Every structure is written in structure tokens, then in C-alpha cells.
mmCIF file of all heavy atoms, coordinates in Angstrom:
data_MODEL
# 
_entry.id   MODEL 
# 
loop_
_atom_site.group_PDB 
_atom_site.id 
_atom_site.type_symbol 
_atom_site.label_atom_id 
_atom_site.label_alt_id 
_atom_site.label_comp_id 
_atom_site.label_asym_id 
_atom_site.label_entity_id 
_atom_site.label_seq_id 
_atom_site.pdbx_PDB_ins_code 
_atom_site.Cartn_x 
_atom_site.Cartn_y 
_atom_site.Cartn_z 
_atom_site.occupancy 
_atom_site.B_iso_or_equiv 
_atom_site.pdbx_formal_charge 
_atom_site.auth_seq_id 
_atom_site.auth_comp_id 
_atom_site.auth_asym_id 
_atom_site.auth_atom_id 
_atom_site.pdbx_PDB_model_num 
ATOM 1   N N   . THR A 1 1  ? 15.659 -26.717 -24.317 1.00 0.00 ? 1  THR A N   1 
ATOM 2   C CA  . THR A 1 1  ? 16.029 -25.886 -23.166 1.00 0.00 ? 1  THR A CA  1 
ATOM 3   C C   . THR A 1 1  ? 16.011 -26.652 -21.844 1.00 0.00 ? 1  THR A C   1 
ATOM 4   O O   . THR A 1 1  ? 16.253 -26.055 -20.793 1.00 0.00 ? 1  THR A O   1 
ATOM 5   C CB  . THR A 1 1  ? 15.085 -24.673 -23.058 1.00 0.00 ? 1  THR A CB  1 
ATOM 6   O OG1 . THR A 1 1  ? 13.726 -25.122 -22.910 1.00 0.00 ? 1  THR A OG1 1 
ATOM 7   C CG2 . THR A 1 1  ? 15.180 -23.791 -24.297 1.00 0.00 ? 1  THR A CG2 1 
ATOM 8   N N   . LEU A 1 2  ? 15.717 -27.949 -21.878 1.00 0.00 ? 2  LEU A N   1 
ATOM 9   C CA  . LEU A 1 2  ? 15.688 -28.726 -20.641 1.00 0.00 ? 2  LEU A CA  1 
ATOM 10  C C   . LEU A 1 2  ? 17.063 -28.736 -19.979 1.00 0.00 ? 2  LEU A C   1 
ATOM 11  O O   . LEU A 1 2  ? 18.085 -28.851 -20.661 1.00 0.00 ? 2  LEU A O   1 
ATOM 12  C CB  . LEU A 1 2  ? 15.283 -30.168 -20.920 1.00 0.00 ? 2  LEU A CB  1 
ATOM 13  C CG  . LEU A 1 2  ? 13.797 -30.500 -21.137 1.00 0.00 ? 2  LEU A CG  1 
ATOM 14  C CD1 . LEU A 1 2  ? 13.646 -31.991 -21.343 1.00 0.00 ? 2  LEU A CD1 1 
ATOM 15  C CD2 . LEU A 1 2  ? 12.952 -30.033 -19.981 1.00 0.00 ? 2  LEU A CD2 1 
ATOM 16  N N   . PRO A 1 3  ? 17.124 -28.632 -18.657 1.00 0.00 ? 3  PRO A N   1 
ATOM 17  C CA  . PRO A 1 3  ? 18.399 -28.834 -17.968 1.00 0.00 ? 3  PRO A CA  1 
ATOM 18  C C   . PRO A 1 3  ? 18.938 -30.234 -18.248 1.00 0.00 ? 3  PRO A C   1 
ATOM 19  O O   . PRO A 1 3  ? 18.180 -31.151 -18.571 1.00 0.00 ? 3  PRO A O   1 
ATOM 20  C CB  . PRO A 1 3  ? 18.027 -28.670 -16.480 1.00 0.00 ? 3  PRO A CB  1 
ATOM 21  C CG  . PRO A 1 3  ? 16.750 -27.896 -16.489 1.00 0.00 ? 3  PRO A CG  1 
ATOM 22  C CD  . PRO A 1 3  ? 16.029 -28.292 -17.741 1.00 0.00 ? 3  PRO A CD  1 
ATOM 23  N N   . ALA A 1 4  ? 20.241 -30.399 -18.106 1.00 0.00 ? 4  ALA A N   1 
ATOM 24  C CA  . ALA A 1 4  ? 20.901 -31.654 -18.478 1.00 0.00 ? 4  ALA A CA  1 
ATOM 25  C C   . ALA A 1 4  ? 20.294 -32.861 -17.774 1.00 0.00 ? 4  ALA A C   1 
ATOM 26  O O   . ALA A 1 4  ? 20.084 -33.916 -18.394 1.00 0.00 ? 4  ALA A O   1 
ATOM 27  C CB  . ALA A 1 4  ? 22.392 -31.562 -18.178 1.00 0.00 ? 4  ALA A CB  1 
ATOM 28  N N   . LYS A 1 5  ? 19.978 -32.736 -16.501 1.00 0.00 ? 5  LYS A N   1 
ATOM 29  C CA  . LYS A 1 5  ? 19.433 -33.873 -15.750 1.00 0.00 ? 5  LYS A CA  1 
ATOM 30  C C   . LYS A 1 5  ? 18.051 -34.258 -16.259 1.00 0.00 ? 5  LYS A C   1 
ATOM 31  O O   . LYS A 1 5  ? 17.745 -35.448 -16.430 1.00 0.00 ? 5  LYS A O   1 
ATOM 32  C CB  . LYS A 1 5  ? 19.374 -33.531 -14.260 1.00 0.00 ? 5  LYS A CB  1 
ATOM 33  C CG  . LYS A 1 5  ? 18.995 -34.701 -13.377 1.00 0.00 ? 5  LYS A CG  1 
ATOM 34  C CD  . LYS A 1 5  ? 19.098 -34.332 -11.904 1.00 0.00 ? 5  LYS A CD  1 
ATOM 35  C CE  . LYS A 1 5  ? 18.743 -35.526 -11.016 1.00 0.00 ? 5  LYS A CE  1 
ATOM 36  N NZ  . LYS A 1 5  ? 18.834 -35.188 -9.567  1.00 0.00 ? 5  LYS A NZ  1 
ATOM 37  N N   . ALA A 1 6  ? 17.216 -33.254 -16.537 1.00 0.00 ? 6  ALA A N   1 
ATOM 38  C CA  . ALA A 1 6  ? 15.877 -33.530 -17.054 1.00 0.00 ? 6  ALA A CA  1 
ATOM 39  C C   . ALA A 1 6  ? 15.935 -34.107 -18.466 1.00 0.00 ? 6  ALA A C   1 
ATOM 40  O O   . ALA A 1 6  ? 15.140 -34.980 -18.828 1.00 0.00 ? 6  ALA A O   1 
ATOM 41  C CB  . ALA A 1 6  ? 15.037 -32.247 -17.037 1.00 0.00 ? 6  ALA A CB  1 
ATOM 42  N N   . LEU A 1 7  ? 16.886 -33.626 -19.280 1.00 0.00 ? 7  LEU A N   1 
ATOM 43  C CA  . LEU A 1 7  ? 17.048 -34.152 -20.629 1.00 0.00 ? 7  LEU A CA  1 
ATOM 44  C C   . LEU A 1 7  ? 17.470 -35.623 -20.589 1.00 0.00 ? 7  LEU A C   1 
ATOM 45  O O   . LEU A 1 7  ? 16.938 -36.456 -21.336 1.00 0.00 ? 7  LEU A O   1 
ATOM 46  C CB  . LEU A 1 7  ? 18.080 -33.332 -21.390 1.00 0.00 ? 7  LEU A CB  1 
ATOM 47  C CG  . LEU A 1 7  ? 18.385 -33.794 -22.817 1.00 0.00 ? 7  LEU A CG  1 
ATOM 48  C CD1 . LEU A 1 7  ? 17.159 -33.650 -23.708 1.00 0.00 ? 7  LEU A CD1 1 
ATOM 49  C CD2 . LEU A 1 7  ? 19.559 -33.000 -23.399 1.00 0.00 ? 7  LEU A CD2 1 
ATOM 50  N N   . ALA A 1 8  ? 18.409 -35.954 -19.694 1.00 0.00 ? 8  ALA A N   1 
ATOM 51  C CA  . ALA A 1 8  ? 18.856 -37.338 -19.564 1.00 0.00 ? 8  ALA A CA  1 
ATOM 52  C C   . ALA A 1 8  ? 17.707 -38.245 -19.132 1.00 0.00 ? 8  ALA A C   1 
ATOM 53  O O   . ALA A 1 8  ? 17.606 -39.394 -19.574 1.00 0.00 ? 8  ALA A O   1 
ATOM 54  C CB  . ALA A 1 8  ? 20.005 -37.429 -18.568 1.00 0.00 ? 8  ALA A CB  1 
ATOM 55  N N   . ALA A 1 9  ? 16.823 -37.728 -18.279 1.00 0.00 ? 9  ALA A N   1 
ATOM 56  C CA  . ALA A 1 9  ? 15.669 -38.514 -17.838 1.00 0.00 ? 9  ALA A CA  1 
ATOM 57  C C   . ALA A 1 9  ? 14.673 -38.720 -18.973 1.00 0.00 ? 9  ALA A C   1 
ATOM 58  O O   . ALA A 1 9  ? 14.051 -39.786 -19.082 1.00 0.00 ? 9  ALA A O   1 
ATOM 59  C CB  . ALA A 1 9  ? 14.987 -37.821 -16.660 1.00 0.00 ? 9  ALA A CB  1 
ATOM 60  N N   . ALA A 1 10 ? 14.515 -37.707 -19.840 1.00 0.00 ? 10 ALA A N   1 
ATOM 61  C CA  . ALA A 1 10 ? 13.555 -37.810 -20.953 1.00 0.00 ? 10 ALA A CA  1 
ATOM 62  C C   . ALA A 1 10 ? 14.043 -38.768 -22.023 1.00 0.00 ? 10 ALA A C   1 
ATOM 63  O O   . ALA A 1 10 ? 13.255 -39.516 -22.615 1.00 0.00 ? 10 ALA A O   1 
ATOM 64  C CB  . ALA A 1 10 ? 13.300 -36.427 -21.555 1.00 0.00 ? 10 ALA A CB  1 
ATOM 65  N N   . ARG A 1 11 ? 15.345 -38.765 -22.291 1.00 0.00 ? 11 ARG A N   1 
ATOM 66  C CA  . ARG A 1 11 ? 15.901 -39.685 -23.283 1.00 0.00 ? 11 ARG A CA  1 
ATOM 67  C C   . ARG A 1 11 ? 15.796 -41.106 -22.761 1.00 0.00 ? 11 ARG A C   1 
ATOM 68  O O   . ARG A 1 11 ? 16.284 -41.424 -21.685 1.00 0.00 ? 11 ARG A O   1 
ATOM 69  C CB  . ARG A 1 11 ? 17.367 -39.369 -23.555 1.00 0.00 ? 11 ARG A CB  1 
ATOM 70  C CG  . ARG A 1 11 ? 17.628 -38.091 -24.330 1.00 0.00 ? 11 ARG A CG  1 
ATOM 71  C CD  . ARG A 1 11 ? 19.125 -37.911 -24.443 1.00 0.00 ? 11 ARG A CD  1 
ATOM 72  N NE  . ARG A 1 11 ? 19.526 -36.708 -25.131 1.00 0.00 ? 11 ARG A NE  1 
ATOM 73  C CZ  . ARG A 1 11 ? 20.710 -36.129 -24.974 1.00 0.00 ? 11 ARG A CZ  1 
ATOM 74  N NH1 . ARG A 1 11 ? 21.594 -36.653 -24.122 1.00 0.00 ? 11 ARG A NH1 1 
ATOM 75  N NH2 . ARG A 1 11 ? 21.024 -35.033 -25.638 1.00 0.00 ? 11 ARG A NH2 1 
ATOM 76  N N   . GLY A 1 12 ? 15.185 -41.949 -23.533 1.00 0.00 ? 12 GLY A N   1 
ATOM 77  C CA  . GLY A 1 12 ? 15.015 -43.332 -23.126 1.00 0.00 ? 12 GLY A CA  1 
ATOM 78  C C   . GLY A 1 12 ? 13.654 -43.602 -22.534 1.00 0.00 ? 12 GLY A C   1 
ATOM 79  O O   . GLY A 1 12 ? 12.965 -44.532 -22.938 1.00 0.00 ? 12 GLY A O   1 
ATOM 80  N N   . SER A 1 13 ? 13.224 -42.767 -21.577 1.00 0.00 ? 13 SER A N   1 
ATOM 81  C CA  . SER A 1 13 ? 11.933 -42.998 -20.938 1.00 0.00 ? 13 SER A CA  1 
ATOM 82  C C   . SER A 1 13 ? 10.778 -42.377 -21.718 1.00 0.00 ? 13 SER A C   1 
ATOM 83  O O   . SER A 1 13 ? 9.687  -42.944 -21.784 1.00 0.00 ? 13 SER A O   1 
ATOM 84  C CB  . SER A 1 13 ? 11.947 -42.442 -19.512 1.00 0.00 ? 13 SER A CB  1 
ATOM 85  O OG  . SER A 1 13 ? 12.149 -41.040 -19.524 1.00 0.00 ? 13 SER A OG  1 
ATOM 86  N N   . ARG A 1 14 ? 10.993 -41.199 -22.319 1.00 0.00 ? 14 ARG A N   1 
ATOM 87  C CA  . ARG A 1 14 ? 9.937  -40.537 -23.093 1.00 0.00 ? 14 ARG A CA  1 
ATOM 88  C C   . ARG A 1 14 ? 10.215 -40.550 -24.594 1.00 0.00 ? 14 ARG A C   1 
ATOM 89  O O   . ARG A 1 14 ? 9.305  -40.665 -25.400 1.00 0.00 ? 14 ARG A O   1 
ATOM 90  C CB  . ARG A 1 14 ? 9.750  -39.084 -22.623 1.00 0.00 ? 14 ARG A CB  1 
ATOM 91  C CG  . ARG A 1 14 ? 9.149  -38.966 -21.234 1.00 0.00 ? 14 ARG A CG  1 
ATOM 92  C CD  . ARG A 1 14 ? 8.839  -37.523 -20.905 1.00 0.00 ? 14 ARG A CD  1 
ATOM 93  N NE  . ARG A 1 14 ? 8.234  -37.378 -19.600 1.00 0.00 ? 14 ARG A NE  1 
ATOM 94  C CZ  . ARG A 1 14 ? 6.937  -37.513 -19.364 1.00 0.00 ? 14 ARG A CZ  1 
ATOM 95  N NH1 . ARG A 1 14 ? 6.110  -37.791 -20.362 1.00 0.00 ? 14 ARG A NH1 1 
ATOM 96  N NH2 . ARG A 1 14 ? 6.447  -37.366 -18.149 1.00 0.00 ? 14 ARG A NH2 1 
ATOM 97  N N   . VAL A 1 15 ? 11.455 -40.381 -24.968 1.00 0.00 ? 15 VAL A N   1 
ATOM 98  C CA  . VAL A 1 15 ? 11.823 -40.372 -26.381 1.00 0.00 ? 15 VAL A CA  1 
ATOM 99  C C   . VAL A 1 15 ? 13.110 -41.176 -26.548 1.00 0.00 ? 15 VAL A C   1 
ATOM 100 O O   . VAL A 1 15 ? 14.022 -41.075 -25.725 1.00 0.00 ? 15 VAL A O   1 
ATOM 101 C CB  . VAL A 1 15 ? 11.994 -38.930 -26.911 1.00 0.00 ? 15 VAL A CB  1 
ATOM 102 C CG1 . VAL A 1 15 ? 12.994 -38.138 -26.083 1.00 0.00 ? 15 VAL A CG1 1 
ATOM 103 C CG2 . VAL A 1 15 ? 12.403 -38.922 -28.388 1.00 0.00 ? 15 VAL A CG2 1 
ATOM 104 N N   . ALA A 1 16 ? 13.154 -41.997 -27.578 1.00 0.00 ? 16 ALA A N   1 
ATOM 105 C CA  . ALA A 1 16 ? 14.333 -42.826 -27.840 1.00 0.00 ? 16 ALA A CA  1 
ATOM 106 C C   . ALA A 1 16 ? 14.644 -42.793 -29.326 1.00 0.00 ? 16 ALA A C   1 
ATOM 107 O O   . ALA A 1 16 ? 13.798 -42.429 -30.146 1.00 0.00 ? 16 ALA A O   1 
ATOM 108 C CB  . ALA A 1 16 ? 14.103 -44.258 -27.369 1.00 0.00 ? 16 ALA A CB  1 
ATOM 109 N N   . MET A 1 17 ? 15.863 -43.199 -29.669 1.00 0.00 ? 17 MET A N   1 
ATOM 110 C CA  . MET A 1 17 ? 16.307 -43.084 -31.055 1.00 0.00 ? 17 MET A CA  1 
ATOM 111 C C   . MET A 1 17 ? 17.077 -44.325 -31.459 1.00 0.00 ? 17 MET A C   1 
ATOM 112 O O   . MET A 1 17 ? 17.830 -44.896 -30.663 1.00 0.00 ? 17 MET A O   1 
ATOM 113 C CB  . MET A 1 17 ? 17.192 -41.839 -31.208 1.00 0.00 ? 17 MET A CB  1 
ATOM 114 C CG  . MET A 1 17 ? 17.550 -41.493 -32.633 1.00 0.00 ? 17 MET A CG  1 
ATOM 115 S SD  . MET A 1 17 ? 18.280 -39.834 -32.708 1.00 0.00 ? 17 MET A SD  1 
ATOM 116 C CE  . MET A 1 17 ? 18.577 -39.684 -34.476 1.00 0.00 ? 17 MET A CE  1 
ATOM 117 N N   . ILE A 1 18 ? 16.853 -44.766 -32.707 1.00 0.00 ? 18 ILE A N   1 
ATOM 118 C CA  . ILE A 1 18 ? 17.662 -45.831 -33.283 1.00 0.00 ? 18 ILE A CA  1 
ATOM 119 C C   . ILE A 1 18 ? 18.343 -45.286 -34.535 1.00 0.00 ? 18 ILE A C   1 
ATOM 120 O O   . ILE A 1 18 ? 17.802 -44.423 -35.219 1.00 0.00 ? 18 ILE A O   1 
ATOM 121 C CB  . ILE A 1 18 ? 16.840 -47.089 -33.602 1.00 0.00 ? 18 ILE A CB  1 
ATOM 122 C CG1 . ILE A 1 18 ? 15.644 -46.770 -34.504 1.00 0.00 ? 18 ILE A CG1 1 
ATOM 123 C CG2 . ILE A 1 18 ? 16.364 -47.749 -32.326 1.00 0.00 ? 18 ILE A CG2 1 
ATOM 124 C CD1 . ILE A 1 18 ? 14.844 -47.984 -34.903 1.00 0.00 ? 18 ILE A CD1 1 
ATOM 125 N N   . PHE A 1 19 ? 19.529 -45.833 -34.817 1.00 0.00 ? 19 PHE A N   1 
ATOM 126 C CA  . PHE A 1 19 ? 20.374 -45.279 -35.863 1.00 0.00 ? 19 PHE A CA  1 
ATOM 127 C C   . PHE A 1 19 ? 20.564 -46.274 -36.999 1.00 0.00 ? 19 PHE A C   1 
ATOM 128 O O   . PHE A 1 19 ? 20.171 -47.433 -36.933 1.00 0.00 ? 19 PHE A O   1 
ATOM 129 C CB  . PHE A 1 19 ? 21.726 -44.859 -35.287 1.00 0.00 ? 19 PHE A CB  1 
ATOM 130 C CG  . PHE A 1 19 ? 21.633 -43.767 -34.261 1.00 0.00 ? 19 PHE A CG  1 
ATOM 131 C CD1 . PHE A 1 19 ? 21.453 -44.070 -32.922 1.00 0.00 ? 19 PHE A CD1 1 
ATOM 132 C CD2 . PHE A 1 19 ? 21.705 -42.436 -34.643 1.00 0.00 ? 19 PHE A CD2 1 
ATOM 133 C CE1 . PHE A 1 19 ? 21.359 -43.059 -31.972 1.00 0.00 ? 19 PHE A CE1 1 
ATOM 134 C CE2 . PHE A 1 19 ? 21.612 -41.423 -33.697 1.00 0.00 ? 19 PHE A CE2 1 
ATOM 135 C CZ  . PHE A 1 19 ? 21.440 -41.744 -32.368 1.00 0.00 ? 19 PHE A CZ  1 
ATOM 136 N N   . GLN A 1 20 ? 21.230 -45.786 -38.036 1.00 0.00 ? 20 GLN A N   1 
ATOM 137 C CA  . GLN A 1 20 ? 21.403 -46.541 -39.275 1.00 0.00 ? 20 GLN A CA  1 
ATOM 138 C C   . GLN A 1 20 ? 22.348 -47.734 -39.123 1.00 0.00 ? 20 GLN A C   1 
ATOM 139 O O   . GLN A 1 20 ? 22.073 -48.806 -39.634 1.00 0.00 ? 20 GLN A O   1 
ATOM 140 C CB  . GLN A 1 20 ? 21.923 -45.601 -40.354 1.00 0.00 ? 20 GLN A CB  1 
ATOM 141 C CG  . GLN A 1 20 ? 22.234 -46.257 -41.685 1.00 0.00 ? 20 GLN A CG  1 
ATOM 142 C CD  . GLN A 1 20 ? 22.663 -45.241 -42.713 1.00 0.00 ? 20 GLN A CD  1 
ATOM 143 O OE1 . GLN A 1 20 ? 22.380 -44.057 -42.592 1.00 0.00 ? 20 GLN A OE1 1 
ATOM 144 N NE2 . GLN A 1 20 ? 23.356 -45.684 -43.733 1.00 0.00 ? 20 GLN A NE2 1 
ATOM 145 N N   . GLU A 1 21 ? 23.455 -47.555 -38.422 1.00 0.00 ? 21 GLU A N   1 
ATOM 146 C CA  . GLU A 1 21 ? 24.498 -48.589 -38.386 1.00 0.00 ? 21 GLU A CA  1 
ATOM 147 C C   . GLU A 1 21 ? 24.692 -49.092 -36.954 1.00 0.00 ? 21 GLU A C   1 
ATOM 148 O O   . GLU A 1 21 ? 25.318 -48.414 -36.132 1.00 0.00 ? 21 GLU A O   1 
ATOM 149 C CB  . GLU A 1 21 ? 25.806 -48.035 -38.937 1.00 0.00 ? 21 GLU A CB  1 
ATOM 150 C CG  . GLU A 1 21 ? 26.949 -49.032 -38.962 1.00 0.00 ? 21 GLU A CG  1 
ATOM 151 C CD  . GLU A 1 21 ? 26.537 -50.413 -39.455 1.00 0.00 ? 21 GLU A CD  1 
ATOM 152 O OE1 . GLU A 1 21 ? 26.225 -50.553 -40.654 1.00 0.00 ? 21 GLU A OE1 1 
ATOM 153 O OE2 . GLU A 1 21 ? 26.509 -51.349 -38.626 1.00 0.00 ? 21 GLU A OE2 1 
ATOM 154 N N   . PRO A 1 22 ? 24.169 -50.268 -36.632 1.00 0.00 ? 22 PRO A N   1 
ATOM 155 C CA  . PRO A 1 22 ? 24.250 -50.765 -35.262 1.00 0.00 ? 22 PRO A CA  1 
ATOM 156 C C   . PRO A 1 22 ? 25.669 -50.899 -34.725 1.00 0.00 ? 22 PRO A C   1 
ATOM 157 O O   . PRO A 1 22 ? 25.906 -50.683 -33.529 1.00 0.00 ? 22 PRO A O   1 
ATOM 158 C CB  . PRO A 1 22 ? 23.567 -52.141 -35.338 1.00 0.00 ? 22 PRO A CB  1 
ATOM 159 C CG  . PRO A 1 22 ? 22.712 -52.091 -36.551 1.00 0.00 ? 22 PRO A CG  1 
ATOM 160 C CD  . PRO A 1 22 ? 23.425 -51.186 -37.508 1.00 0.00 ? 22 PRO A CD  1 
ATOM 161 N N   . MET A 1 23 ? 26.626 -51.268 -35.569 1.00 0.00 ? 23 MET A N   1 
ATOM 162 C CA  . MET A 1 23 ? 27.977 -51.510 -35.065 1.00 0.00 ? 23 MET A CA  1 
ATOM 163 C C   . MET A 1 23 ? 28.656 -50.246 -34.557 1.00 0.00 ? 23 MET A C   1 
ATOM 164 O O   . MET A 1 23 ? 29.628 -50.325 -33.800 1.00 0.00 ? 23 MET A O   1 
ATOM 165 C CB  . MET A 1 23 ? 28.837 -52.173 -36.145 1.00 0.00 ? 23 MET A CB  1 
ATOM 166 C CG  . MET A 1 23 ? 28.531 -53.664 -36.336 1.00 0.00 ? 23 MET A CG  1 
ATOM 167 S SD  . MET A 1 23 ? 28.672 -54.645 -34.831 1.00 0.00 ? 23 MET A SD  1 
ATOM 168 C CE  . MET A 1 23 ? 30.449 -54.814 -34.705 1.00 0.00 ? 23 MET A CE  1 
ATOM 169 N N   . THR A 1 24 ? 28.183 -49.077 -34.953 1.00 0.00 ? 24 THR A N   1 
ATOM 170 C CA  . THR A 1 24 ? 28.736 -47.840 -34.407 1.00 0.00 ? 24 THR A CA  1 
ATOM 171 C C   . THR A 1 24 ? 28.007 -47.417 -33.130 1.00 0.00 ? 24 THR A C   1 
ATOM 172 O O   . THR A 1 24 ? 28.455 -46.494 -32.447 1.00 0.00 ? 24 THR A O   1 
ATOM 173 C CB  . THR A 1 24 ? 28.658 -46.700 -35.434 1.00 0.00 ? 24 THR A CB  1 
ATOM 174 O OG1 . THR A 1 24 ? 27.285 -46.416 -35.719 1.00 0.00 ? 24 THR A OG1 1 
ATOM 175 C CG2 . THR A 1 24 ? 29.376 -47.071 -36.717 1.00 0.00 ? 24 THR A CG2 1 
ATOM 176 N N   . CYS A 1 25 ? 26.892 -48.066 -32.815 1.00 0.00 ? 25 CYS A N   1 
ATOM 177 C CA  . CYS A 1 25 ? 26.093 -47.687 -31.644 1.00 0.00 ? 25 CYS A CA  1 
ATOM 178 C C   . CYS A 1 25 ? 26.211 -48.686 -30.502 1.00 0.00 ? 25 CYS A C   1 
ATOM 179 O O   . CYS A 1 25 ? 25.977 -48.329 -29.347 1.00 0.00 ? 25 CYS A O   1 
ATOM 180 C CB  . CYS A 1 25 ? 24.615 -47.565 -32.037 1.00 0.00 ? 25 CYS A CB  1 
ATOM 181 S SG  . CYS A 1 25 ? 24.299 -46.401 -33.364 1.00 0.00 ? 25 CYS A SG  1 
ATOM 182 N N   . LEU A 1 26 ? 26.545 -49.936 -30.828 1.00 0.00 ? 26 LEU A N   1 
ATOM 183 C CA  . LEU A 1 26 ? 26.656 -50.964 -29.805 1.00 0.00 ? 26 LEU A CA  1 
ATOM 184 C C   . LEU A 1 26 ? 28.104 -51.073 -29.324 1.00 0.00 ? 26 LEU A C   1 
ATOM 185 O O   . LEU A 1 26 ? 29.033 -50.998 -30.120 1.00 0.00 ? 26 LEU A O   1 
ATOM 186 C CB  . LEU A 1 26 ? 26.194 -52.313 -30.366 1.00 0.00 ? 26 LEU A CB  1 
ATOM 187 C CG  . LEU A 1 26 ? 24.707 -52.410 -30.734 1.00 0.00 ? 26 LEU A CG  1 
ATOM 188 C CD1 . LEU A 1 26 ? 24.421 -53.707 -31.473 1.00 0.00 ? 26 LEU A CD1 1 
ATOM 189 C CD2 . LEU A 1 26 ? 23.839 -52.289 -29.498 1.00 0.00 ? 26 LEU A CD2 1 
ATOM 190 N N   . ASN A 1 27 ? 28.266 -51.268 -28.034 1.00 0.00 ? 27 ASN A N   1 
ATOM 191 C CA  . ASN A 1 27 ? 29.596 -51.427 -27.438 1.00 0.00 ? 27 ASN A CA  1 
ATOM 192 C C   . ASN A 1 27 ? 30.119 -52.823 -27.763 1.00 0.00 ? 27 ASN A C   1 
ATOM 193 O O   . ASN A 1 27 ? 29.503 -53.822 -27.382 1.00 0.00 ? 27 ASN A O   1 
ATOM 194 C CB  . ASN A 1 27 ? 29.498 -51.238 -25.922 1.00 0.00 ? 27 ASN A CB  1 
ATOM 195 C CG  . ASN A 1 27 ? 30.860 -51.177 -25.254 1.00 0.00 ? 27 ASN A CG  1 
ATOM 196 O OD1 . ASN A 1 27 ? 31.816 -51.788 -25.718 1.00 0.00 ? 27 ASN A OD1 1 
ATOM 197 N ND2 . ASN A 1 27 ? 30.945 -50.451 -24.151 1.00 0.00 ? 27 ASN A ND2 1 
# 
């Protein structure tokens, strides 16, 4: 239920995620 700005701040600084296939996640 976090507002979009607060959610963006939490992602990365408080909680982060890594995925199965790096080539689909890296630019």
C-alpha cells in the first residue's frame, strides 16, 4: 500500500532483488 514515491525509495535501499537470468536484467 506504499505510495509510489515511498515504494521507489524502499526498493534498493531497504529491500532488493536478484533474478535468475542476468542477461534479461542487465542493460
